[in-house]
Amino acid sequence: MKTIFSAIFSLLMLLNTVSAQSDKDAALETLGASGGLLLYNTYIAIGAIGDAYAGNSYEATYVKDITKEQIASIEAVIAQYNKLLSSGFLTDPEDKSFVGDIVMTLGYLKSEAKYLGDYADTNSESDSEKYQYNREEAWKKISKLLQLEE
């Protein structure tokens, strides 16, 4: 009887571990999918702001305001991803690397938004070039992370 109880207890512990791992896998898959969508949509949003400014649909003050909002949002998300990285929840080096790449890409998007706002303020070629550089770097990272064809 004691052996059967031990075997059942061991089986239940194994199933709970498998279930917990399955739950963690589901959380990681959700994190990856939502992170990818966040990167892609942020890239599109900043580009649309730039296009609207270039097409004279947005005034410079409006562009500066909404790029500041993008920057603040990106900074908040970076802080959360950094908390995740330091939490110990991510144990697989590939998961840590993926989240690190998300943080890096968010950094490029933040810089892209900053230089777009600066360009709206100054119309300087230097700010335009910095905006384009960060836009291109962000896209390289996004397309790699999402396995899109360039």
Protein backbone atom coordinates (compact mmCIF):
# COMPACT_ATOMS: atom_id res chain seq x y z
CA MET A 1 0.00 0.00 0.00
CA LYS A 2 2.81 2.37 0.92
CA THR A 3 4.53 1.68 -2.42
CA ILE A 4 1.33 2.37 -4.38
CA PHE A 5 0.83 5.61 -2.43
CA SER A 6 4.43 6.64 -3.17
CA ALA A 7 4.02 5.82 -6.85
CA ILE A 8 0.76 7.78 -7.09
CA PHE A 9 2.28 10.71 -5.19
CA SER A 10 5.33 10.69 -7.49
CA LEU A 11 3.09 10.55 -10.56
CA LEU A 12 0.99 13.47 -9.30
CA MET A 13 4.13 15.52 -8.63
CA LEU A 14 5.40 14.73 -12.11
CA LEU A 15 2.06 15.74 -13.67
CA ASN A 16 2.04 18.99 -11.67
CA THR A 17 5.57 19.72 -12.87
CA VAL A 18 4.58 18.99 -16.48
CA SER A 19 1.48 21.14 -16.04
CA ALA A 20 3.53 23.97 -14.51
CA GLN A 21 6.01 23.73 -17.36
CA SER A 22 3.15 23.72 -19.83
CA ASP A 23 1.77 26.85 -18.13
CA LYS A 24 5.20 28.48 -18.30
CA ASP A 25 5.51 27.54 -21.97
CA ALA A 26 2.11 29.10 -22.65
CA ALA A 27 3.19 32.27 -20.81
CA LEU A 28 6.44 32.43 -22.78
CA GLU A 29 4.64 31.92 -26.08
CA THR A 30 2.19 34.68 -25.17
CA LEU A 31 5.05 36.94 -24.16
CA GLY A 32 6.81 36.31 -27.46
CA ALA A 33 3.70 36.89 -29.56
CA SER A 34 2.66 40.06 -27.73
CA GLY A 35 6.24 41.35 -27.73
CA GLY A 36 6.48 40.82 -31.47
CA LEU A 37 3.19 42.58 -32.06
CA LEU A 38 4.29 45.46 -29.82
CA LEU A 39 7.51 45.93 -31.80
CA TYR A 40 5.80 45.73 -35.17
CA ASN A 41 2.94 48.06 -34.25
CA THR A 42 5.25 50.59 -32.60
CA TYR A 43 7.42 50.59 -35.72
CA ILE A 44 4.34 51.15 -37.90
CA ALA A 45 2.98 53.89 -35.60
CA ILE A 46 6.20 55.89 -35.55
CA GLY A 47 6.53 55.56 -39.31
CA ALA A 48 2.94 56.72 -39.80
CA ILE A 49 3.64 59.76 -37.63
CA GLY A 50 6.67 60.54 -39.77
CA ASP A 51 4.71 60.09 -42.98
CA ALA A 52 1.91 62.33 -41.71
CA TYR A 53 4.44 65.01 -40.81
CA ALA A 54 6.19 64.74 -44.18
CA GLY A 55 2.80 65.00 -45.91
CA ASN A 56 1.89 68.10 -43.88
CA SER A 57 -0.99 66.30 -42.19
CA TYR A 58 0.53 66.77 -38.72
CA GLU A 59 1.96 69.97 -37.28
CA ALA A 60 5.40 69.87 -35.68
CA THR A 61 4.01 70.46 -32.17
CA TYR A 62 1.63 67.51 -32.55
CA VAL A 63 4.46 65.27 -33.78
CA LYS A 64 6.61 66.27 -30.81
CA ASP A 65 3.74 65.54 -28.41
CA ILE A 66 2.91 62.10 -29.77
CA THR A 67 6.55 61.06 -30.12
CA LYS A 68 7.02 62.00 -26.45
CA GLU A 69 4.07 59.75 -25.63
CA GLN A 70 5.64 56.92 -27.64
CA ILE A 71 8.96 57.43 -25.85
CA ALA A 72 7.33 57.36 -22.40
CA SER A 73 5.39 54.20 -23.29
CA ILE A 74 8.50 52.50 -24.67
CA GLU A 75 10.48 53.41 -21.54
CA ALA A 76 7.77 51.88 -19.33
CA VAL A 77 7.76 48.66 -21.35
CA ILE A 78 11.57 48.47 -21.33
CA ALA A 79 11.50 48.77 -17.54
CA GLN A 80 9.03 45.87 -17.34
CA TYR A 81 11.07 43.67 -19.65
CA ASN A 82 14.19 44.45 -17.61
CA LYS A 83 12.32 43.41 -14.45
CA LEU A 84 11.40 40.17 -16.19
CA LEU A 85 15.03 39.60 -17.16
CA SER A 86 16.19 40.05 -13.57
CA SER A 87 13.30 38.12 -11.98
CA GLY A 88 14.65 34.62 -12.55
CA PHE A 89 11.47 33.55 -14.36
CA LEU A 90 13.38 33.11 -17.59
CA THR A 91 15.69 30.15 -17.19
CA ASP A 92 16.38 29.19 -20.80
CA PRO A 93 19.23 31.22 -22.35
CA GLU A 94 17.28 31.47 -25.63
CA ASP A 95 14.32 33.03 -23.81
CA LYS A 96 16.63 35.50 -22.08
CA SER A 97 18.25 36.35 -25.40
CA PHE A 98 14.88 36.86 -27.07
CA VAL A 99 13.70 39.24 -24.35
CA GLY A 100 17.07 41.01 -24.48
CA ASP A 101 16.59 41.46 -28.22
CA ILE A 102 13.13 42.91 -27.59
CA VAL A 103 14.66 45.43 -25.18
CA MET A 104 17.37 46.34 -27.70
CA THR A 105 14.80 46.78 -30.46
CA LEU A 106 12.64 48.93 -28.21
CA GLY A 107 15.74 51.06 -27.70
CA TYR A 108 16.01 51.62 -31.44
CA LEU A 109 12.30 52.45 -31.61
CA LYS A 110 12.69 54.90 -28.73
CA SER A 111 15.57 56.61 -30.55
CA GLU A 112 13.58 56.60 -33.77
CA ALA A 113 10.72 58.42 -32.02
CA LYS A 114 13.13 60.83 -30.34
CA TYR A 115 14.80 61.84 -33.58
CA LEU A 116 11.49 62.14 -35.37
CA GLY A 117 10.37 64.57 -32.68
CA ASP A 118 13.69 66.39 -32.92
CA TYR A 119 13.37 66.56 -36.69
CA ALA A 120 9.88 68.03 -36.41
CA ASP A 121 11.38 70.66 -34.12
CA THR A 122 14.51 71.47 -36.15
CA ASN A 123 14.05 70.11 -39.68
CA SER A 124 17.78 69.40 -39.57
CA GLU A 125 19.37 66.86 -41.87
CA SER A 126 21.27 65.40 -38.91
CA ASP A 127 18.04 64.57 -37.03
CA SER A 128 16.54 63.12 -40.20
CA GLU A 129 19.56 60.87 -40.69
CA LYS A 130 19.46 59.70 -37.05
CA TYR A 131 15.74 58.98 -37.41
CA GLN A 132 16.36 56.93 -40.57
CA TYR A 133 19.30 55.06 -39.02
CA ASN A 134 17.28 53.99 -35.98
CA ARG A 135 14.29 53.13 -38.17
CA GLU A 136 16.43 50.84 -40.31
CA GLU A 137 18.10 49.22 -37.30
CA ALA A 138 14.73 48.67 -35.63
CA TRP A 139 13.39 47.00 -38.77
CA LYS A 140 16.42 44.71 -39.03
CA LYS A 141 15.82 43.52 -35.48
CA ILE A 142 12.04 43.24 -35.89
CA SER A 143 12.27 41.28 -39.10
CA LYS A 144 14.83 38.93 -37.54
CA LEU A 145 12.83 38.40 -34.34
CA LEU A 146 9.58 37.84 -36.23
CA GLN A 147 11.33 35.81 -38.92
CA LEU A 148 10.05 38.07 -41.69
CA GLU A 149 11.67 38.25 -45.07
CA GLU A 150 13.56 41.50 -45.60
